[in-house]
Amino acid sequence: DPSEGMNIMRNQLHLYWAKIQIRWHDIEPEQGNYNWVQVDNAMDAACKNGMRIMMSVVAAPAWTRAAPLAEANGEAPPDDTAVYTQFLGLLIDRYPGQIGAIEIWNEANLEREWNVAAGVNPADFAAFVQASAAAIKAKDSSIFVISGAPAPTGANCWDVFCNGSGTRRIVMDDAQFLTQFLQA
């Protein structure tokens, strides 16, 4: 029950924004089969306390990928960005006028968050953010769009090595990632 937490955030801490992380694979584990209970409860508690909501949407379900990853290997975006943007549209339609901002993914410079065959790639993430932002704005132009922030790493790792060798980048230095993301 998020009511007590939202009440404390608003009335004791005087905060006006709350972040709700939407773990998509928990909401739609099977295509078209939704479980909105936790999000509905959080949204209800936030709205009753006059909070503005930022949703952070991560963790695509296994059915969105041709080669689902083992849980231990981390999380991945869907193979088709349009499937993600459709889910964003469902969120906006379910909570009309209640979402103040949407954060697109999180820590895409880490394999555990962006586990794709090509490895961590800021240009791929930039394309994902651009397509997602366009879909959000087409649904509701008042929603702020926020790119998921990179994790502070200070390192570059390929495959299982952090010495510059290997073929698939699994960790990228956050400053380098952000620079290349902005260039893309």
C-alpha atoms as a PDB file:
ATOM      1  CA  ASP A   1       0.000   0.000   0.000  1.00  0.00           C
ATOM      2  CA  PRO A   2       1.810   3.126  -1.203  1.00  0.00           C
ATOM      3  CA  SER A   3      -0.600   5.538   0.533  1.00  0.00           C
ATOM      4  CA  GLU A   4       1.554   6.088   3.621  1.00  0.00           C
ATOM      5  CA  GLY A   5       4.703   6.669   1.571  1.00  0.00           C
ATOM      6  CA  MET A   6       3.009   9.169  -0.752  1.00  0.00           C
ATOM      7  CA  ASN A   7       1.497  10.939   2.253  1.00  0.00           C
ATOM      8  CA  ILE A   8       4.917  11.254   3.906  1.00  0.00           C
ATOM      9  CA  MET A   9       6.519  12.460   0.657  1.00  0.00           C
ATOM     10  CA  ARG A  10       3.946  15.186   0.166  1.00  0.00           C
ATOM     11  CA  ASN A  11       2.986  16.287   3.678  1.00  0.00           C
ATOM     12  CA  GLN A  12       6.159  15.758   5.699  1.00  0.00           C
ATOM     13  CA  LEU A  13       8.931  16.041   3.119  1.00  0.00           C
ATOM     14  CA  HIS A  14       7.022  18.566   0.960  1.00  0.00           C
ATOM     15  CA  LEU A  15       7.939  16.808  -2.254  1.00  0.00           C
ATOM     16  CA  TYR A  16       5.759  17.337  -5.291  1.00  0.00           C
ATOM     17  CA  TRP A  17       7.071  14.666  -7.667  1.00  0.00           C
ATOM     18  CA  ALA A  18       7.221  10.902  -7.236  1.00  0.00           C
ATOM     19  CA  LYS A  19       8.935   8.387  -9.503  1.00  0.00           C
ATOM     20  CA  ILE A  20       7.152   5.127 -10.169  1.00  0.00           C
ATOM     21  CA  GLN A  21       9.281   2.539 -11.922  1.00  0.00           C
ATOM     22  CA  ILE A  22       7.190   0.444 -14.267  1.00  0.00           C
ATOM     23  CA  ARG A  23       8.754  -2.967 -14.722  1.00  0.00           C
ATOM     24  CA  TRP A  24       6.959  -3.853 -17.919  1.00  0.00           C
ATOM     25  CA  HIS A  25       7.562  -7.606 -17.583  1.00  0.00           C
ATOM     26  CA  ASP A  26       5.631  -7.503 -14.291  1.00  0.00           C
ATOM     27  CA  ILE A  27       2.696  -5.641 -15.852  1.00  0.00           C
ATOM     28  CA  GLU A  28       2.412  -7.694 -19.071  1.00  0.00           C
ATOM     29  CA  PRO A  29       4.220 -11.025 -18.572  1.00  0.00           C
ATOM     30  CA  GLU A  30       2.239 -12.514 -21.459  1.00  0.00           C
ATOM     31  CA  GLN A  31       1.262 -10.441 -24.469  1.00  0.00           C
ATOM     32  CA  GLY A  32      -2.111  -8.786 -23.808  1.00  0.00           C
ATOM     33  CA  ASN A  33      -2.355 -10.149 -20.246  1.00  0.00           C
ATOM     34  CA  TYR A  34      -2.034  -7.134 -17.902  1.00  0.00           C
ATOM     35  CA  ASN A  35      -1.769  -6.828 -14.144  1.00  0.00           C
ATOM     36  CA  TRP A  36      -2.166  -3.146 -13.282  1.00  0.00           C
ATOM     37  CA  VAL A  37      -2.906  -3.552  -9.525  1.00  0.00           C
ATOM     38  CA  GLN A  38       0.388  -2.187  -8.164  1.00  0.00           C
ATOM     39  CA  VAL A  39       0.548   0.720 -10.603  1.00  0.00           C
ATOM     40  CA  ASP A  40      -3.123   1.578 -10.080  1.00  0.00           C
ATOM     41  CA  ASN A  41      -2.572   1.640  -6.296  1.00  0.00           C
ATOM     42  CA  ALA A  42       0.529   3.831  -6.602  1.00  0.00           C
ATOM     43  CA  MET A  43      -1.167   6.222  -9.024  1.00  0.00           C
ATOM     44  CA  ASP A  44      -4.255   6.465  -6.803  1.00  0.00           C
ATOM     45  CA  ALA A  45      -2.155   7.243  -3.719  1.00  0.00           C
ATOM     46  CA  ALA A  46      -0.053   9.784  -5.604  1.00  0.00           C
ATOM     47  CA  CYS A  47      -3.058  11.577  -7.066  1.00  0.00           C
ATOM     48  CA  LYS A  48      -4.854  11.690  -3.693  1.00  0.00           C
ATOM     49  CA  ASN A  49      -1.777  13.493  -2.331  1.00  0.00           C
ATOM     50  CA  GLY A  50      -1.496  15.911  -5.253  1.00  0.00           C
ATOM     51  CA  MET A  51       1.802  14.430  -6.433  1.00  0.00           C
ATOM     52  CA  ARG A  52       3.073  14.756  -9.986  1.00  0.00           C
ATOM     53  CA  ILE A  53       4.231  11.448 -11.375  1.00  0.00           C
ATOM     54  CA  MET A  54       7.285  10.492 -13.380  1.00  0.00           C
ATOM     55  CA  MET A  55       7.079   6.949 -14.697  1.00  0.00           C
ATOM     56  CA  SER A  56      10.288   5.114 -15.498  1.00  0.00           C
ATOM     57  CA  VAL A  57       9.518   2.294 -17.942  1.00  0.00           C
ATOM     58  CA  VAL A  58      12.046  -0.582 -18.036  1.00  0.00           C
ATOM     59  CA  ALA A  59      12.342  -4.381 -18.289  1.00  0.00           C
ATOM     60  CA  ALA A  60      10.634  -5.571 -21.461  1.00  0.00           C
ATOM     61  CA  PRO A  61       8.845  -8.919 -21.195  1.00  0.00           C
ATOM     62  CA  ALA A  62      10.513 -11.999 -22.701  1.00  0.00           C
ATOM     63  CA  TRP A  63       7.809 -12.265 -25.381  1.00  0.00           C
ATOM     64  CA  THR A  64       9.052  -8.986 -26.933  1.00  0.00           C
ATOM     65  CA  ARG A  65      12.355 -10.558 -27.958  1.00  0.00           C
ATOM     66  CA  ALA A  66      13.092 -13.292 -30.499  1.00  0.00           C
ATOM     67  CA  ALA A  67      15.791 -14.709 -28.227  1.00  0.00           C
ATOM     68  CA  PRO A  68      14.662 -14.123 -24.629  1.00  0.00           C
ATOM     69  CA  LEU A  69      17.512 -13.696 -22.194  1.00  0.00           C
ATOM     70  CA  ALA A  70      18.012 -15.721 -19.061  1.00  0.00           C
ATOM     71  CA  GLU A  71      16.948 -13.741 -16.007  1.00  0.00           C
ATOM     72  CA  ALA A  72      20.501 -13.798 -14.635  1.00  0.00           C
ATOM     73  CA  ASN A  73      21.738 -11.978 -17.741  1.00  0.00           C
ATOM     74  CA  GLY A  74      19.824  -8.822 -16.980  1.00  0.00           C
ATOM     75  CA  GLU A  75      17.114  -6.903 -18.762  1.00  0.00           C
ATOM     76  CA  ALA A  76      16.680  -5.874 -22.347  1.00  0.00           C
ATOM     77  CA  PRO A  77      14.558  -3.605 -24.472  1.00  0.00           C
ATOM     78  CA  PRO A  78      12.198  -5.219 -26.965  1.00  0.00           C
ATOM     79  CA  ASP A  79      13.526  -6.171 -30.389  1.00  0.00           C
ATOM     80  CA  ASP A  80      11.047  -3.735 -31.963  1.00  0.00           C
ATOM     81  CA  THR A  81      10.921  -0.243 -30.443  1.00  0.00           C
ATOM     82  CA  ALA A  82       7.320   0.100 -31.683  1.00  0.00           C
ATOM     83  CA  VAL A  83       6.252  -2.538 -29.128  1.00  0.00           C
ATOM     84  CA  TYR A  84       7.716  -0.350 -26.351  1.00  0.00           C
ATOM     85  CA  THR A  85       6.056   2.792 -27.700  1.00  0.00           C
ATOM     86  CA  GLN A  86       2.717   0.944 -27.855  1.00  0.00           C
ATOM     87  CA  PHE A  87       3.091   0.091 -24.169  1.00  0.00           C
ATOM     88  CA  LEU A  88       3.901   3.732 -23.405  1.00  0.00           C
ATOM     89  CA  GLY A  89       0.691   4.650 -25.218  1.00  0.00           C
ATOM     90  CA  LEU A  90      -1.268   2.211 -23.041  1.00  0.00           C
ATOM     91  CA  LEU A  91       0.129   3.873 -19.910  1.00  0.00           C
ATOM     92  CA  ILE A  92      -0.789   7.338 -21.140  1.00  0.00           C
ATOM     93  CA  ASP A  93      -4.296   6.180 -22.064  1.00  0.00           C
ATOM     94  CA  ARG A  94      -4.760   4.400 -18.718  1.00  0.00           C
ATOM     95  CA  TYR A  95      -3.729   7.464 -16.684  1.00  0.00           C
ATOM     96  CA  PRO A  96      -4.836  10.429 -18.817  1.00  0.00           C
ATOM     97  CA  GLY A  97      -3.588  13.748 -17.474  1.00  0.00           C
ATOM     98  CA  GLN A  98      -1.943  12.056 -14.471  1.00  0.00           C
ATOM     99  CA  ILE A  99       1.557  11.443 -15.856  1.00  0.00           C
ATOM    100  CA  GLY A 100       3.831  14.478 -15.662  1.00  0.00           C
ATOM    101  CA  ALA A 101       6.947  12.834 -17.091  1.00  0.00           C
ATOM    102  CA  ILE A 102       8.159   9.557 -18.553  1.00  0.00           C
ATOM    103  CA  GLU A 103      11.751   8.402 -18.190  1.00  0.00           C
ATOM    104  CA  ILE A 104      12.734   6.218 -21.110  1.00  0.00           C
ATOM    105  CA  TRP A 105      14.635   3.223 -19.824  1.00  0.00           C
ATOM    106  CA  ASN A 106      17.461   3.440 -17.295  1.00  0.00           C
ATOM    107  CA  GLU A 107      21.227   2.892 -17.197  1.00  0.00           C
ATOM    108  CA  ALA A 108      21.538   1.791 -20.824  1.00  0.00           C
ATOM    109  CA  ASN A 109      25.321   1.845 -20.451  1.00  0.00           C
ATOM    110  CA  LEU A 110      25.147  -1.424 -18.476  1.00  0.00           C
ATOM    111  CA  GLU A 111      24.460  -4.860 -19.913  1.00  0.00           C
ATOM    112  CA  ARG A 112      22.251  -5.736 -16.939  1.00  0.00           C
ATOM    113  CA  GLU A 113      19.856  -2.992 -18.093  1.00  0.00           C
ATOM    114  CA  TRP A 114      20.460  -3.031 -21.880  1.00  0.00           C
ATOM    115  CA  ASN A 115      21.254  -6.663 -22.629  1.00  0.00           C
ATOM    116  CA  VAL A 116      21.103  -6.921 -26.411  1.00  0.00           C
ATOM    117  CA  ALA A 117      23.115  -8.976 -28.893  1.00  0.00           C
ATOM    118  CA  ALA A 118      25.006  -5.907 -30.145  1.00  0.00           C
ATOM    119  CA  GLY A 119      25.990  -4.891 -26.614  1.00  0.00           C
ATOM    120  CA  VAL A 120      25.810  -1.455 -25.042  1.00  0.00           C
ATOM    121  CA  ASN A 121      25.576   1.171 -27.776  1.00  0.00           C
ATOM    122  CA  PRO A 122      24.744   4.871 -27.196  1.00  0.00           C
ATOM    123  CA  ALA A 123      23.590   5.426 -30.803  1.00  0.00           C
ATOM    124  CA  ASP A 124      21.106   2.551 -30.516  1.00  0.00           C
ATOM    125  CA  PHE A 125      19.845   3.970 -27.231  1.00  0.00           C
ATOM    126  CA  ALA A 126      19.508   7.446 -28.784  1.00  0.00           C
ATOM    127  CA  ALA A 127      17.329   6.018 -31.562  1.00  0.00           C
ATOM    128  CA  PHE A 128      15.221   4.219 -28.935  1.00  0.00           C
ATOM    129  CA  VAL A 129      14.776   7.454 -26.953  1.00  0.00           C
ATOM    130  CA  GLN A 130      13.927   9.484 -30.069  1.00  0.00           C
ATOM    131  CA  ALA A 131      11.229   7.042 -31.207  1.00  0.00           C
ATOM    132  CA  SER A 132       9.809   6.810 -27.690  1.00  0.00           C
ATOM    133  CA  ALA A 133       9.761  10.584 -27.249  1.00  0.00           C
ATOM    134  CA  ALA A 134       7.914  11.049 -30.545  1.00  0.00           C
ATOM    135  CA  ALA A 135       5.280   8.500 -29.504  1.00  0.00           C
ATOM    136  CA  ILE A 136       4.814  10.106 -26.083  1.00  0.00           C
ATOM    137  CA  LYS A 137       4.461  13.598 -27.525  1.00  0.00           C
ATOM    138  CA  ALA A 138       1.991  12.349 -30.147  1.00  0.00           C
ATOM    139  CA  LYS A 139      -0.221  11.041 -27.316  1.00  0.00           C
ATOM    140  CA  ASP A 140       0.208  13.917 -24.850  1.00  0.00           C
ATOM    141  CA  SER A 141       2.443  16.856 -25.669  1.00  0.00           C
ATOM    142  CA  SER A 142       2.394  18.075 -22.044  1.00  0.00           C
ATOM    143  CA  ILE A 143       4.341  15.053 -20.724  1.00  0.00           C
ATOM    144  CA  PHE A 144       8.019  15.727 -20.054  1.00  0.00           C
ATOM    145  CA  VAL A 145      10.272  13.157 -21.724  1.00  0.00           C
ATOM    146  CA  ILE A 146      13.422  12.205 -19.849  1.00  0.00           C
ATOM    147  CA  SER A 147      16.178   9.980 -21.144  1.00  0.00           C
ATOM    148  CA  GLY A 148      17.231   7.273 -18.733  1.00  0.00           C
ATOM    149  CA  ALA A 149      20.472   8.320 -17.104  1.00  0.00           C
ATOM    150  CA  PRO A 150      23.648   6.289 -17.492  1.00  0.00           C
ATOM    151  CA  ALA A 151      25.031   4.545 -14.431  1.00  0.00           C
ATOM    152  CA  PRO A 152      28.251   6.043 -13.063  1.00  0.00           C
ATOM    153  CA  THR A 153      30.895   3.512 -14.039  1.00  0.00           C
ATOM    154  CA  GLY A 154      34.145   5.187 -15.033  1.00  0.00           C
ATOM    155  CA  ALA A 155      35.002   1.976 -16.890  1.00  0.00           C
ATOM    156  CA  ASN A 156      34.672   0.214 -20.226  1.00  0.00           C
ATOM    157  CA  CYS A 157      34.259  -3.553 -20.349  1.00  0.00           C
ATOM    158  CA  TRP A 158      33.876  -5.971 -23.241  1.00  0.00           C
ATOM    159  CA  ASP A 159      32.479  -9.454 -22.814  1.00  0.00           C
ATOM    160  CA  VAL A 160      33.909 -10.399 -19.420  1.00  0.00           C
ATOM    161  CA  PHE A 161      37.053  -8.269 -19.636  1.00  0.00           C
ATOM    162  CA  CYS A 162      37.564  -4.690 -18.493  1.00  0.00           C
ATOM    163  CA  ASN A 163      40.902  -4.308 -20.214  1.00  0.00           C
ATOM    164  CA  GLY A 164      39.743  -3.106 -23.641  1.00  0.00           C
ATOM    165  CA  SER A 165      39.628  -6.509 -25.302  1.00  0.00           C
ATOM    166  CA  GLY A 166      36.597  -8.460 -26.441  1.00  0.00           C
ATOM    167  CA  THR A 167      33.875  -7.992 -29.013  1.00  0.00           C
ATOM    168  CA  ARG A 168      30.690  -7.080 -27.135  1.00  0.00           C
ATOM    169  CA  ARG A 169      30.620  -4.040 -24.876  1.00  0.00           C
ATOM    170  CA  ILE A 170      28.883  -4.811 -21.571  1.00  0.00           C
ATOM    171  CA  VAL A 171      29.769  -1.651 -19.621  1.00  0.00           C
ATOM    172  CA  MET A 172      30.516   1.795 -20.983  1.00  0.00           C
ATOM    173  CA  ASP A 173      32.023   4.726 -19.135  1.00  0.00           C
ATOM    174  CA  ASP A 174      29.122   7.052 -18.334  1.00  0.00           C
ATOM    175  CA  ALA A 175      30.829  10.219 -19.598  1.00  0.00           C
ATOM    176  CA  GLN A 176      31.725   8.543 -22.912  1.00  0.00           C
ATOM    177  CA  PHE A 177      28.232   7.064 -23.186  1.00  0.00           C
ATOM    178  CA  LEU A 178      26.553  10.406 -22.601  1.00  0.00           C
ATOM    179  CA  THR A 179      28.850  12.195 -25.080  1.00  0.00           C
ATOM    180  CA  GLN A 180      28.162   9.637 -27.821  1.00  0.00           C
ATOM    181  CA  PHE A 181      24.446   9.559 -26.967  1.00  0.00           C
ATOM    182  CA  LEU A 182      24.224  13.329 -27.413  1.00  0.00           C
ATOM    183  CA  GLN A 183      26.186  13.159 -30.671  1.00  0.00           C
ATOM    184  CA  ALA A 184      23.749  10.546 -32.002  1.00  0.00           C
END
